[in-house]
Amino acid sequence: MVLKYLARGVRIVTVCHFHASCAWDKPYDRPENHWYRSLTVSYIQAMSLAEHARALQAEADRLLGRLDLRTAFPWRAQVIGSALSGLMILRDLDVMFDAPDATAAHVITGLATLSERVELLTADFRDERGDRRPTSRLTDERFYAVLHVNGSWKVDLTFWLHVVERPHVPEALRLRAASEEQRLTILRLKHECPNYPDTIGGTDIYAAVLERGVKTIDELLAS
């Protein structure tokens, strides 16, 4: 029933968008039904974000084609994060490699190759072995590079130095299998959250929506 009403709301709002003087069909213009208007507008905004996510996904695919990571590095590249889950709102591409035999020289040589394929504006390379690793787990030793390319894309490359099971791919596949309502809610919260992605990350939003049923930005910030 909700989907039926939302479909009618989409039609009505589309008409209003092109005809500023038109009014909402009765009975939706009644004050007691203003909640419906708000719900419909939120739904349409979420649908626009879904279209934006699909456009970013296509851009990411084209960028991956230009980077051609499989010929720049001797390890298999695995796309992860929002580019795998299909929940992108930023030009941010995450890729990881199982690279137990990697050296800093290997990685930097590959980065030099990438600079010949795209407009590389900055490259931040980090040797995160030993005490510099991002967690206390020895298996999280890595080489890590953050690239800014083609004017607007951030590309994170992680070269894991230990081959172990990692949650990145299963988590993205779980998000791909989420309901349309959950996926639209995630996109909307990412868009609305003033702290995303700096202090509230994608994993925080995913857990809030999928595990706690959060639907609004106020609920997210309070959780």
N, C-alpha and C. Protein backbone atom coordinates (compact mmCIF):
# COMPACT_ATOMS: atom_id res chain seq x y z
N MET A 1 0.83 -1.19 0.00
CA MET A 1 0.00 0.00 0.00
C MET A 1 0.87 1.25 0.00
N VAL A 2 1.93 1.25 0.79
CA VAL A 2 2.82 2.40 0.83
C VAL A 2 3.43 2.65 -0.53
N LEU A 3 3.87 1.59 -1.21
CA LEU A 3 4.49 1.75 -2.51
C LEU A 3 3.49 2.32 -3.51
N LYS A 4 2.23 1.92 -3.40
CA LYS A 4 1.20 2.43 -4.29
C LYS A 4 1.05 3.94 -4.09
N TYR A 5 0.99 4.38 -2.84
CA TYR A 5 0.86 5.80 -2.56
C TYR A 5 2.09 6.56 -3.00
N LEU A 6 3.29 5.96 -2.78
CA LEU A 6 4.50 6.64 -3.19
C LEU A 6 4.54 6.83 -4.69
N ALA A 7 4.09 5.82 -5.42
CA ALA A 7 4.07 5.94 -6.87
C ALA A 7 3.18 7.10 -7.30
N ARG A 8 2.00 7.24 -6.65
CA ARG A 8 1.13 8.37 -6.97
C ARG A 8 1.80 9.68 -6.61
N GLY A 9 2.51 9.68 -5.47
CA GLY A 9 3.19 10.90 -5.05
C GLY A 9 4.26 11.33 -6.02
N VAL A 10 5.00 10.36 -6.58
CA VAL A 10 6.03 10.69 -7.55
C VAL A 10 5.41 11.39 -8.75
N ARG A 11 4.28 10.89 -9.22
CA ARG A 11 3.62 11.51 -10.36
C ARG A 11 3.20 12.94 -10.03
N ILE A 12 2.64 13.13 -8.86
CA ILE A 12 2.13 14.46 -8.48
C ILE A 12 3.27 15.45 -8.35
N VAL A 13 4.34 15.05 -7.68
CA VAL A 13 5.45 15.98 -7.47
C VAL A 13 6.13 16.32 -8.78
N THR A 14 6.20 15.36 -9.69
CA THR A 14 6.80 15.64 -10.99
C THR A 14 6.01 16.72 -11.71
N VAL A 15 4.69 16.65 -11.67
CA VAL A 15 3.86 17.68 -12.29
C VAL A 15 4.11 19.03 -11.65
N CYS A 16 4.15 19.04 -10.32
CA CYS A 16 4.37 20.30 -9.60
C CYS A 16 5.73 20.89 -9.93
N HIS A 17 6.69 20.06 -10.22
CA HIS A 17 8.02 20.56 -10.52
C HIS A 17 8.01 21.41 -11.79
N PHE A 18 7.18 21.01 -12.75
CA PHE A 18 7.15 21.73 -14.03
C PHE A 18 6.06 22.80 -14.07
N HIS A 19 5.10 22.74 -13.14
CA HIS A 19 4.02 23.71 -13.10
C HIS A 19 3.94 24.26 -11.68
N ALA A 20 4.62 25.37 -11.46
CA ALA A 20 4.79 25.89 -10.10
C ALA A 20 3.47 26.25 -9.45
N SER A 21 2.45 26.55 -10.25
CA SER A 21 1.20 27.00 -9.66
C SER A 21 0.25 25.88 -9.30
N CYS A 22 0.60 24.62 -9.65
CA CYS A 22 -0.33 23.53 -9.41
C CYS A 22 -0.39 23.17 -7.93
N ALA A 23 -1.47 22.54 -7.52
CA ALA A 23 -1.65 22.16 -6.12
C ALA A 23 -1.65 20.66 -6.00
N TRP A 24 -1.43 20.19 -4.78
CA TRP A 24 -1.49 18.76 -4.52
C TRP A 24 -2.92 18.27 -4.69
N ASP A 25 -3.09 17.08 -5.27
CA ASP A 25 -4.41 16.48 -5.40
C ASP A 25 -5.02 16.27 -4.01
N LYS A 26 -6.29 16.49 -3.91
CA LYS A 26 -7.00 16.18 -2.67
C LYS A 26 -7.02 14.65 -2.49
N PRO A 27 -6.91 14.14 -1.26
CA PRO A 27 -6.91 14.86 0.02
C PRO A 27 -5.51 15.16 0.54
N TYR A 28 -4.47 15.03 -0.29
CA TYR A 28 -3.11 15.12 0.22
C TYR A 28 -2.71 16.54 0.62
N ASP A 29 -3.53 17.54 0.21
CA ASP A 29 -3.20 18.91 0.56
C ASP A 29 -3.74 19.29 1.94
N ARG A 30 -4.49 18.41 2.55
CA ARG A 30 -5.03 18.71 3.86
C ARG A 30 -3.92 18.76 4.90
N PRO A 31 -4.00 19.64 5.89
CA PRO A 31 -2.94 19.75 6.90
C PRO A 31 -2.64 18.44 7.60
N GLU A 32 -3.67 17.63 7.86
CA GLU A 32 -3.43 16.38 8.59
C GLU A 32 -2.63 15.38 7.75
N ASN A 33 -2.50 15.64 6.45
CA ASN A 33 -1.77 14.71 5.59
C ASN A 33 -0.43 15.27 5.12
N HIS A 34 0.07 16.30 5.79
CA HIS A 34 1.35 16.89 5.39
C HIS A 34 2.50 15.90 5.58
N TRP A 35 2.30 14.93 6.49
CA TRP A 35 3.33 13.88 6.66
C TRP A 35 3.55 13.15 5.35
N TYR A 36 2.46 12.97 4.58
CA TYR A 36 2.55 12.23 3.32
C TYR A 36 3.40 13.01 2.32
N ARG A 37 3.18 14.34 2.28
CA ARG A 37 3.96 15.17 1.38
C ARG A 37 5.45 15.07 1.71
N SER A 38 5.76 15.16 3.01
CA SER A 38 7.16 15.06 3.43
C SER A 38 7.76 13.71 3.06
N LEU A 39 6.98 12.63 3.27
CA LEU A 39 7.46 11.29 2.95
C LEU A 39 7.75 11.15 1.47
N THR A 40 6.85 11.70 0.63
CA THR A 40 7.00 11.57 -0.81
C THR A 40 8.23 12.35 -1.29
N VAL A 41 8.41 13.57 -0.78
CA VAL A 41 9.58 14.36 -1.17
C VAL A 41 10.86 13.64 -0.78
N SER A 42 10.89 13.06 0.43
CA SER A 42 12.07 12.31 0.85
C SER A 42 12.33 11.13 -0.06
N TYR A 43 11.26 10.47 -0.48
CA TYR A 43 11.40 9.31 -1.37
C TYR A 43 11.99 9.74 -2.71
N ILE A 44 11.51 10.86 -3.25
CA ILE A 44 12.02 11.32 -4.54
C ILE A 44 13.47 11.75 -4.41
N GLN A 45 13.81 12.44 -3.31
CA GLN A 45 15.21 12.81 -3.11
C GLN A 45 16.08 11.57 -3.07
N ALA A 46 15.62 10.53 -2.40
CA ALA A 46 16.39 9.29 -2.33
C ALA A 46 16.54 8.67 -3.70
N MET A 47 15.46 8.71 -4.50
CA MET A 47 15.56 8.16 -5.84
C MET A 47 16.56 8.94 -6.68
N SER A 48 16.62 10.27 -6.51
CA SER A 48 17.62 11.07 -7.22
C SER A 48 19.02 10.67 -6.79
N LEU A 49 19.20 10.40 -5.50
CA LEU A 49 20.50 9.94 -5.02
C LEU A 49 20.86 8.59 -5.61
N ALA A 50 19.85 7.73 -5.82
CA ALA A 50 20.12 6.44 -6.44
C ALA A 50 20.59 6.63 -7.88
N GLU A 51 19.99 7.56 -8.59
CA GLU A 51 20.44 7.86 -9.95
C GLU A 51 21.86 8.41 -9.94
N HIS A 52 22.13 9.28 -8.97
CA HIS A 52 23.48 9.83 -8.82
C HIS A 52 24.49 8.72 -8.54
N ALA A 53 24.10 7.78 -7.68
CA ALA A 53 24.99 6.66 -7.36
C ALA A 53 25.29 5.83 -8.60
N ARG A 54 24.28 5.61 -9.44
CA ARG A 54 24.51 4.85 -10.67
C ARG A 54 25.44 5.59 -11.62
N ALA A 55 25.30 6.92 -11.68
CA ALA A 55 26.19 7.71 -12.53
C ALA A 55 27.62 7.65 -12.03
N LEU A 56 27.80 7.74 -10.70
CA LEU A 56 29.14 7.64 -10.14
C LEU A 56 29.73 6.25 -10.38
N GLN A 57 28.88 5.23 -10.31
CA GLN A 57 29.34 3.87 -10.56
C GLN A 57 29.89 3.75 -11.99
N ALA A 58 29.20 4.35 -12.93
CA ALA A 58 29.66 4.32 -14.32
C ALA A 58 30.99 5.06 -14.47
N GLU A 59 31.12 6.21 -13.78
CA GLU A 59 32.38 6.95 -13.79
C GLU A 59 33.51 6.10 -13.21
N ALA A 60 33.21 5.43 -12.09
CA ALA A 60 34.22 4.59 -11.44
C ALA A 60 34.68 3.47 -12.37
N ASP A 61 33.74 2.87 -13.09
CA ASP A 61 34.09 1.80 -14.02
C ASP A 61 35.01 2.32 -15.13
N ARG A 62 34.70 3.52 -15.62
CA ARG A 62 35.57 4.10 -16.66
C ARG A 62 36.96 4.41 -16.11
N LEU A 63 37.01 4.92 -14.88
CA LEU A 63 38.30 5.22 -14.27
C LEU A 63 39.12 3.95 -14.07
N LEU A 64 38.47 2.89 -13.61
CA LEU A 64 39.16 1.61 -13.44
C LEU A 64 39.72 1.12 -14.77
N GLY A 65 38.97 1.34 -15.82
CA GLY A 65 39.46 0.95 -17.13
C GLY A 65 40.71 1.70 -17.53
N ARG A 66 40.76 2.97 -17.23
CA ARG A 66 41.95 3.78 -17.55
C ARG A 66 43.13 3.40 -16.66
N LEU A 67 42.86 3.14 -15.38
CA LEU A 67 43.95 2.76 -14.48
C LEU A 67 44.55 1.41 -14.86
N ASP A 68 43.70 0.47 -15.26
CA ASP A 68 44.14 -0.88 -15.65
C ASP A 68 45.11 -1.44 -14.61
N LEU A 69 44.61 -1.57 -13.38
CA LEU A 69 45.45 -1.93 -12.23
C LEU A 69 46.14 -3.28 -12.41
N ARG A 70 45.54 -4.18 -13.17
CA ARG A 70 46.13 -5.52 -13.31
C ARG A 70 47.45 -5.49 -14.06
N THR A 71 47.66 -4.45 -14.87
CA THR A 71 48.95 -4.34 -15.57
C THR A 71 49.92 -3.40 -14.86
N ALA A 72 49.41 -2.63 -13.90
CA ALA A 72 50.29 -1.73 -13.15
C ALA A 72 50.93 -2.42 -11.96
N PHE A 73 50.24 -3.43 -11.41
CA PHE A 73 50.74 -4.15 -10.25
C PHE A 73 50.65 -5.66 -10.51
N PRO A 74 51.54 -6.44 -9.92
CA PRO A 74 51.54 -7.88 -10.18
C PRO A 74 50.56 -8.69 -9.32
N TRP A 75 49.63 -8.02 -8.62
CA TRP A 75 48.66 -8.71 -7.76
C TRP A 75 47.25 -8.38 -8.23
N ARG A 76 46.32 -9.28 -7.94
CA ARG A 76 44.94 -9.08 -8.37
C ARG A 76 44.27 -7.97 -7.58
N ALA A 77 43.69 -7.04 -8.29
CA ALA A 77 42.99 -5.93 -7.66
C ALA A 77 41.57 -6.33 -7.32
N GLN A 78 41.11 -5.98 -6.12
CA GLN A 78 39.73 -6.25 -5.69
C GLN A 78 39.07 -4.93 -5.31
N VAL A 79 38.09 -4.50 -6.09
CA VAL A 79 37.33 -3.30 -5.75
C VAL A 79 36.49 -3.60 -4.50
N ILE A 80 36.45 -2.66 -3.57
CA ILE A 80 35.70 -2.82 -2.33
C ILE A 80 34.91 -1.54 -2.06
N GLY A 81 34.29 -1.46 -0.90
CA GLY A 81 33.62 -0.23 -0.49
C GLY A 81 32.38 0.08 -1.32
N SER A 82 32.07 1.36 -1.42
CA SER A 82 30.84 1.79 -2.08
C SER A 82 30.82 1.47 -3.57
N ALA A 83 32.00 1.38 -4.17
CA ALA A 83 32.05 1.03 -5.60
C ALA A 83 31.63 -0.41 -5.83
N LEU A 84 31.75 -1.27 -4.83
CA LEU A 84 31.31 -2.65 -4.94
C LEU A 84 29.85 -2.79 -4.49
N SER A 85 29.48 -2.07 -3.45
CA SER A 85 28.10 -2.17 -2.93
C SER A 85 27.11 -1.39 -3.79
N GLY A 86 27.60 -0.44 -4.61
CA GLY A 86 26.71 0.38 -5.42
C GLY A 86 26.06 1.51 -4.65
N LEU A 87 26.69 1.95 -3.54
CA LEU A 87 26.11 2.99 -2.69
C LEU A 87 27.03 4.21 -2.64
N MET A 88 27.39 4.71 -3.80
CA MET A 88 28.33 5.82 -3.88
C MET A 88 27.60 7.16 -3.86
N ILE A 89 28.13 8.11 -3.07
CA ILE A 89 27.69 9.49 -3.19
C ILE A 89 28.88 10.42 -3.40
N LEU A 90 30.09 9.88 -3.25
CA LEU A 90 31.32 10.65 -3.43
C LEU A 90 32.19 9.97 -4.48
N ARG A 91 33.06 10.75 -5.10
CA ARG A 91 34.01 10.18 -6.05
C ARG A 91 35.20 9.61 -5.27
N ASP A 92 34.95 8.46 -4.69
CA ASP A 92 35.92 7.82 -3.79
C ASP A 92 35.95 6.33 -4.13
N LEU A 93 37.09 5.87 -4.59
CA LEU A 93 37.24 4.50 -5.07
C LEU A 93 38.23 3.76 -4.18
N ASP A 94 37.82 2.59 -3.67
CA ASP A 94 38.66 1.79 -2.78
C ASP A 94 39.00 0.47 -3.45
N VAL A 95 40.29 0.14 -3.44
CA VAL A 95 40.77 -1.11 -4.04
C VAL A 95 41.78 -1.74 -3.10
N MET A 96 41.73 -3.07 -2.96
CA MET A 96 42.73 -3.75 -2.14
C MET A 96 43.37 -4.88 -2.94
N PHE A 97 44.57 -5.24 -2.50
CA PHE A 97 45.34 -6.31 -3.11
C PHE A 97 45.85 -7.24 -2.02
N ASP A 98 45.84 -8.54 -2.24
CA ASP A 98 46.62 -9.46 -1.42
C ASP A 98 48.01 -9.50 -2.02
N ALA A 99 48.98 -8.92 -1.31
CA ALA A 99 50.31 -8.71 -1.88
C ALA A 99 51.39 -9.07 -0.86
N PRO A 100 51.48 -10.36 -0.48
CA PRO A 100 52.43 -10.73 0.58
C PRO A 100 53.90 -10.52 0.21
N ASP A 101 54.19 -10.46 -1.09
CA ASP A 101 55.59 -10.26 -1.51
C ASP A 101 55.85 -8.82 -1.94
N ALA A 102 54.95 -7.91 -1.63
CA ALA A 102 55.11 -6.51 -2.05
C ALA A 102 56.25 -5.84 -1.31
N THR A 103 56.89 -4.93 -2.00
CA THR A 103 57.89 -4.05 -1.41
C THR A 103 57.47 -2.62 -1.72
N ALA A 104 58.05 -1.69 -0.99
CA ALA A 104 57.76 -0.28 -1.27
C ALA A 104 58.13 0.07 -2.70
N ALA A 105 59.24 -0.48 -3.18
CA ALA A 105 59.68 -0.20 -4.55
C ALA A 105 58.66 -0.71 -5.57
N HIS A 106 58.09 -1.92 -5.32
CA HIS A 106 57.06 -2.46 -6.20
C HIS A 106 55.89 -1.49 -6.31
N VAL A 107 55.40 -1.04 -5.17
CA VAL A 107 54.21 -0.20 -5.14
C VAL A 107 54.48 1.14 -5.81
N ILE A 108 55.60 1.75 -5.48
CA ILE A 108 55.91 3.07 -6.05
C ILE A 108 56.11 2.98 -7.56
N THR A 109 56.70 1.90 -8.02
CA THR A 109 56.84 1.71 -9.47
C THR A 109 55.46 1.64 -10.12
N GLY A 110 54.54 0.92 -9.49
CA GLY A 110 53.19 0.84 -10.02
C GLY A 110 52.49 2.19 -10.02
N LEU A 111 52.71 2.98 -8.98
CA LEU A 111 52.11 4.31 -8.93
C LEU A 111 52.64 5.19 -10.06
N ALA A 112 53.92 5.05 -10.35
CA ALA A 112 54.50 5.80 -11.47
C ALA A 112 53.83 5.42 -12.78
N THR A 113 53.52 4.13 -12.93
CA THR A 113 52.81 3.68 -14.13
C THR A 113 51.43 4.31 -14.22
N LEU A 114 50.73 4.37 -13.08
CA LEU A 114 49.40 4.98 -13.08
C LEU A 114 49.46 6.45 -13.47
N SER A 115 50.54 7.14 -13.09
CA SER A 115 50.65 8.57 -13.40
C SER A 115 50.73 8.82 -14.89
N GLU A 116 51.07 7.79 -15.66
CA GLU A 116 51.12 7.92 -17.12
C GLU A 116 49.75 7.66 -17.76
N ARG A 117 48.79 7.19 -16.97
CA ARG A 117 47.48 6.81 -17.51
C ARG A 117 46.37 7.77 -17.13
N VAL A 118 46.55 8.47 -16.00
CA VAL A 118 45.55 9.44 -15.54
C VAL A 118 46.29 10.69 -15.09
N GLU A 119 45.52 11.75 -14.87
CA GLU A 119 46.10 12.98 -14.33
C GLU A 119 46.26 12.81 -12.82
N LEU A 120 47.46 12.51 -12.38
CA LEU A 120 47.73 12.27 -10.96
C LEU A 120 48.13 13.59 -10.31
N LEU A 121 47.26 14.10 -9.44
CA LEU A 121 47.50 15.39 -8.81
C LEU A 121 48.33 15.25 -7.54
N THR A 122 47.98 14.26 -6.69
CA THR A 122 48.76 14.00 -5.49
C THR A 122 48.81 12.49 -5.26
N ALA A 123 49.85 12.07 -4.57
CA ALA A 123 49.99 10.66 -4.18
C ALA A 123 50.61 10.61 -2.80
N ASP A 124 49.88 10.07 -1.85
CA ASP A 124 50.35 9.93 -0.47
C ASP A 124 50.62 8.45 -0.22
N PHE A 125 51.89 8.08 -0.16
CA PHE A 125 52.27 6.68 0.05
C PHE A 125 52.70 6.49 1.50
N ARG A 126 52.23 5.37 2.11
CA ARG A 126 52.56 5.11 3.51
C ARG A 126 53.01 3.66 3.67
N ASP A 127 54.11 3.50 4.38
CA ASP A 127 54.60 2.18 4.76
C ASP A 127 54.06 1.89 6.16
N GLU A 128 53.03 1.07 6.23
CA GLU A 128 52.37 0.81 7.50
C GLU A 128 52.66 -0.60 7.99
N ARG A 129 53.92 -0.86 8.16
CA ARG A 129 54.38 -2.13 8.72
C ARG A 129 54.82 -1.92 10.17
N GLY A 130 54.92 -3.03 10.90
CA GLY A 130 55.39 -2.95 12.28
C GLY A 130 54.48 -2.08 13.12
N ASP A 131 55.05 -1.20 13.91
CA ASP A 131 54.27 -0.35 14.80
C ASP A 131 53.44 0.69 14.05
N ARG A 132 53.66 0.84 12.77
CA ARG A 132 52.91 1.82 11.98
C ARG A 132 51.61 1.24 11.41
N ARG A 133 51.34 -0.05 11.62
CA ARG A 133 50.13 -0.67 11.07
C ARG A 133 48.88 -0.03 11.67
N PRO A 134 47.76 -0.04 10.93
CA PRO A 134 46.56 0.71 11.36
C PRO A 134 45.83 0.11 12.54
N THR A 135 46.06 -1.16 12.86
CA THR A 135 45.45 -1.79 14.03
C THR A 135 46.53 -2.55 14.79
N SER A 136 46.12 -3.17 15.88
CA SER A 136 47.09 -3.95 16.67
C SER A 136 47.38 -5.31 16.05
N ARG A 137 46.59 -5.71 15.05
CA ARG A 137 46.76 -7.03 14.44
C ARG A 137 47.95 -7.04 13.47
N LEU A 138 48.84 -8.00 13.66
CA LEU A 138 49.99 -8.11 12.77
C LEU A 138 49.55 -8.30 11.32
N THR A 139 48.44 -9.00 11.12
CA THR A 139 47.98 -9.29 9.76
C THR A 139 47.46 -8.06 9.03
N ASP A 140 47.38 -6.92 9.72
CA ASP A 140 46.94 -5.69 9.07
C ASP A 140 48.11 -4.82 8.61
N GLU A 141 49.30 -5.38 8.59
CA GLU A 141 50.41 -4.66 7.98
C GLU A 141 50.11 -4.45 6.49
N ARG A 142 50.49 -3.29 6.01
CA ARG A 142 50.16 -2.98 4.62
C ARG A 142 51.02 -1.84 4.08
N PHE A 143 51.02 -1.71 2.77
CA PHE A 143 51.39 -0.47 2.10
C PHE A 143 50.09 0.19 1.67
N TYR A 144 50.05 1.50 1.80
CA TYR A 144 48.79 2.21 1.58
C TYR A 144 49.06 3.48 0.79
N ALA A 145 48.26 3.71 -0.25
CA ALA A 145 48.43 4.90 -1.08
C ALA A 145 47.09 5.57 -1.29
N VAL A 146 47.06 6.88 -1.16
CA VAL A 146 45.88 7.68 -1.44
C VAL A 146 46.22 8.60 -2.60
N LEU A 147 45.48 8.45 -3.68
CA LEU A 147 45.73 9.22 -4.89
C LEU A 147 44.56 10.17 -5.16
N HIS A 148 44.85 11.34 -5.67
CA HIS A 148 43.83 12.24 -6.19
C HIS A 148 44.08 12.38 -7.68
N VAL A 149 43.10 11.94 -8.46
CA VAL A 149 43.32 11.85 -9.91
C VAL A 149 42.18 12.52 -10.66
N ASN A 150 42.49 12.94 -11.87
CA ASN A 150 41.50 13.51 -12.80
C ASN A 150 40.66 14.62 -12.17
N GLY A 151 41.26 15.36 -11.26
CA GLY A 151 40.61 16.54 -10.71
C GLY A 151 39.66 16.31 -9.57
N SER A 152 38.95 15.16 -9.53
CA SER A 152 37.90 15.03 -8.53
C SER A 152 37.83 13.66 -7.85
N TRP A 153 38.60 12.68 -8.30
CA TRP A 153 38.50 11.34 -7.73
C TRP A 153 39.59 11.08 -6.70
N LYS A 154 39.19 10.46 -5.59
CA LYS A 154 40.15 9.95 -4.61
C LYS A 154 40.19 8.44 -4.76
N VAL A 155 41.38 7.91 -4.88
CA VAL A 155 41.56 6.47 -5.06
C VAL A 155 42.43 5.95 -3.93
N ASP A 156 41.88 5.05 -3.11
CA ASP A 156 42.62 4.44 -2.00
C ASP A 156 43.07 3.05 -2.43
N LEU A 157 44.36 2.80 -2.35
CA LEU A 157 44.93 1.50 -2.70
C LEU A 157 45.58 0.89 -1.46
N THR A 158 45.11 -0.30 -1.08
CA THR A 158 45.64 -1.00 0.08
C THR A 158 46.30 -2.29 -0.38
N PHE A 159 47.57 -2.46 -0.01
CA PHE A 159 48.33 -3.66 -0.37
C PHE A 159 48.59 -4.45 0.91
N TRP A 160 47.75 -5.47 1.15
CA TRP A 160 47.87 -6.26 2.37
C TRP A 160 49.08 -7.19 2.27
N LEU A 161 49.87 -7.20 3.33
CA LEU A 161 51.09 -8.00 3.34
C LEU A 161 50.89 -9.38 3.96
N HIS A 162 49.66 -9.65 4.42
CA HIS A 162 49.31 -10.98 4.94
C HIS A 162 47.99 -11.39 4.31
N VAL A 163 47.94 -12.61 3.82
CA VAL A 163 46.74 -13.11 3.16
C VAL A 163 45.85 -13.78 4.20
N VAL A 164 44.77 -13.10 4.57
CA VAL A 164 43.79 -13.63 5.53
C VAL A 164 42.40 -13.25 5.03
N GLU A 165 41.39 -13.88 5.60
CA GLU A 165 40.01 -13.51 5.27
C GLU A 165 39.73 -12.11 5.81
N ARG A 166 39.17 -11.28 4.95
CA ARG A 166 38.84 -9.91 5.36
C ARG A 166 37.37 -9.64 5.08
N PRO A 167 36.76 -8.72 5.83
CA PRO A 167 35.30 -8.54 5.74
C PRO A 167 34.83 -7.66 4.60
N HIS A 168 35.75 -7.04 3.87
CA HIS A 168 35.36 -5.99 2.93
C HIS A 168 34.40 -6.48 1.84
N VAL A 169 34.73 -7.59 1.21
CA VAL A 169 33.88 -8.08 0.11
C VAL A 169 32.55 -8.62 0.64
N PRO A 170 32.53 -9.49 1.67
CA PRO A 170 31.23 -9.95 2.19
C PRO A 170 30.33 -8.82 2.65
N GLU A 171 30.91 -7.78 3.25
CA GLU A 171 30.09 -6.65 3.71
C GLU A 171 29.46 -5.93 2.52
N ALA A 172 30.24 -5.71 1.47
CA ALA A 172 29.69 -5.04 0.29
C ALA A 172 28.60 -5.87 -0.36
N LEU A 173 28.79 -7.18 -0.40
CA LEU A 173 27.78 -8.05 -1.00
C LEU A 173 26.51 -8.08 -0.15
N ARG A 174 26.66 -7.98 1.18
CA ARG A 174 25.48 -7.90 2.05
C ARG A 174 24.69 -6.63 1.75
N LEU A 175 25.38 -5.54 1.49
CA LEU A 175 24.71 -4.29 1.16
C LEU A 175 24.02 -4.36 -0.19
N ARG A 176 24.63 -5.06 -1.13
CA ARG A 176 24.00 -5.23 -2.44
C ARG A 176 22.69 -6.01 -2.32
N ALA A 177 22.63 -6.90 -1.33
CA ALA A 177 21.44 -7.73 -1.14
C ALA A 177 20.39 -7.07 -0.25
N ALA A 178 20.68 -5.88 0.28
CA ALA A 178 19.72 -5.19 1.14
C ALA A 178 18.50 -4.78 0.32
N SER A 179 17.41 -4.50 1.01
CA SER A 179 16.19 -4.09 0.33
C SER A 179 16.38 -2.72 -0.32
N GLU A 180 15.53 -2.41 -1.28
CA GLU A 180 15.62 -1.10 -1.94
C GLU A 180 15.42 0.02 -0.93
N GLU A 181 14.48 -0.18 0.01
CA GLU A 181 14.23 0.86 1.02
C GLU A 181 15.48 1.09 1.87
N GLN A 182 16.15 0.02 2.29
CA GLN A 182 17.36 0.16 3.09
C GLN A 182 18.47 0.86 2.31
N ARG A 183 18.62 0.51 1.04
CA ARG A 183 19.67 1.12 0.22
C ARG A 183 19.40 2.61 -0.01
N LEU A 184 18.14 2.96 -0.25
CA LEU A 184 17.80 4.37 -0.41
C LEU A 184 18.01 5.14 0.89
N THR A 185 17.70 4.51 2.01
CA THR A 185 17.92 5.16 3.31
C THR A 185 19.40 5.40 3.53
N ILE A 186 20.23 4.43 3.21
CA ILE A 186 21.69 4.59 3.37
C ILE A 186 22.20 5.75 2.52
N LEU A 187 21.77 5.82 1.27
CA LEU A 187 22.20 6.91 0.40
C LEU A 187 21.76 8.26 0.95
N ARG A 188 20.52 8.33 1.44
CA ARG A 188 20.03 9.60 1.97
C ARG A 188 20.78 10.02 3.22
N LEU A 189 21.06 9.06 4.11
CA LEU A 189 21.79 9.40 5.34
C LEU A 189 23.23 9.81 5.04
N LYS A 190 23.84 9.15 4.09
CA LYS A 190 25.18 9.58 3.68
C LYS A 190 25.16 11.02 3.19
N HIS A 191 24.14 11.33 2.41
CA HIS A 191 24.03 12.67 1.83
C HIS A 191 23.74 13.72 2.90
N GLU A 192 22.89 13.38 3.87
CA GLU A 192 22.44 14.36 4.86
C GLU A 192 23.39 14.50 6.04
N CYS A 193 24.18 13.47 6.32
CA CYS A 193 25.00 13.48 7.54
C CYS A 193 26.14 14.49 7.42
N PRO A 194 26.19 15.49 8.29
CA PRO A 194 27.26 16.50 8.20
C PRO A 194 28.63 15.95 8.57
N ASN A 195 28.66 14.80 9.24
CA ASN A 195 29.93 14.23 9.70
C ASN A 195 30.44 13.11 8.80
N TYR A 196 29.72 12.84 7.71
CA TYR A 196 30.15 11.78 6.79
C TYR A 196 31.06 12.37 5.72
N PRO A 197 32.19 11.75 5.43
CA PRO A 197 32.70 10.48 5.99
C PRO A 197 33.77 10.68 7.06
N ASP A 198 33.92 11.90 7.58
CA ASP A 198 35.07 12.21 8.44
C ASP A 198 35.01 11.51 9.79
N THR A 199 33.90 11.69 10.52
CA THR A 199 33.81 11.06 11.84
C THR A 199 32.73 9.98 11.90
N ILE A 200 31.79 10.03 10.99
CA ILE A 200 30.80 8.95 10.85
C ILE A 200 31.04 8.31 9.49
N GLY A 201 31.50 7.08 9.50
CA GLY A 201 31.85 6.40 8.27
C GLY A 201 30.71 5.60 7.68
N GLY A 202 30.96 5.05 6.51
CA GLY A 202 29.96 4.23 5.86
C GLY A 202 29.55 3.04 6.71
N THR A 203 30.51 2.40 7.36
CA THR A 203 30.18 1.22 8.17
C THR A 203 29.26 1.58 9.34
N ASP A 204 29.41 2.80 9.87
CA ASP A 204 28.52 3.25 10.95
C ASP A 204 27.08 3.38 10.44
N ILE A 205 26.94 3.94 9.24
CA ILE A 205 25.61 4.12 8.67
C ILE A 205 25.00 2.78 8.29
N TYR A 206 25.81 1.89 7.74
CA TYR A 206 25.30 0.56 7.35
C TYR A 206 24.75 -0.18 8.57
N ALA A 207 25.52 -0.17 9.66
CA ALA A 207 25.08 -0.87 10.87
C ALA A 207 23.82 -0.23 11.43
N ALA A 208 23.75 1.11 11.39
CA ALA A 208 22.57 1.79 11.93
C ALA A 208 21.31 1.41 11.16
N VAL A 209 21.41 1.34 9.85
CA VAL A 209 20.23 1.05 9.02
C VAL A 209 19.88 -0.44 9.05
N LEU A 210 20.87 -1.29 8.83
CA LEU A 210 20.59 -2.71 8.69
C LEU A 210 20.34 -3.43 10.01
N GLU A 211 21.01 -2.97 11.07
CA GLU A 211 20.92 -3.68 12.34
C GLU A 211 20.00 -3.01 13.36
N ARG A 212 19.88 -1.67 13.27
CA ARG A 212 19.07 -0.97 14.27
C ARG A 212 17.84 -0.29 13.67
N GLY A 213 17.67 -0.39 12.38
CA GLY A 213 16.48 0.16 11.74
C GLY A 213 16.41 1.66 11.70
N VAL A 214 17.55 2.34 11.79
CA VAL A 214 17.58 3.81 11.74
C VAL A 214 17.07 4.28 10.38
N LYS A 215 16.26 5.34 10.37
CA LYS A 215 15.69 5.86 9.13
C LYS A 215 15.94 7.34 8.92
N THR A 216 16.22 8.10 10.00
CA THR A 216 16.37 9.55 9.87
C THR A 216 17.74 9.99 10.35
N ILE A 217 18.12 11.19 9.93
CA ILE A 217 19.42 11.73 10.33
C ILE A 217 19.46 11.97 11.84
N ASP A 218 18.33 12.38 12.44
CA ASP A 218 18.30 12.59 13.89
C ASP A 218 18.54 11.29 14.64
N GLU A 219 17.93 10.21 14.16
CA GLU A 219 18.14 8.90 14.78
C GLU A 219 19.60 8.46 14.63
N LEU A 220 20.18 8.74 13.47
CA LEU A 220 21.59 8.36 13.26
C LEU A 220 22.51 9.10 14.21
N LEU A 221 22.34 10.41 14.31
CA LEU A 221 23.22 11.21 15.16
C LEU A 221 23.02 10.92 16.63
N ALA A 222 21.84 10.41 17.00
CA ALA A 222 21.58 10.09 18.40
C ALA A 222 22.01 8.68 18.77
N SER A 223 22.29 7.87 17.77
CA SER A 223 22.60 6.46 18.06
C SER A 223 24.07 6.27 18.42
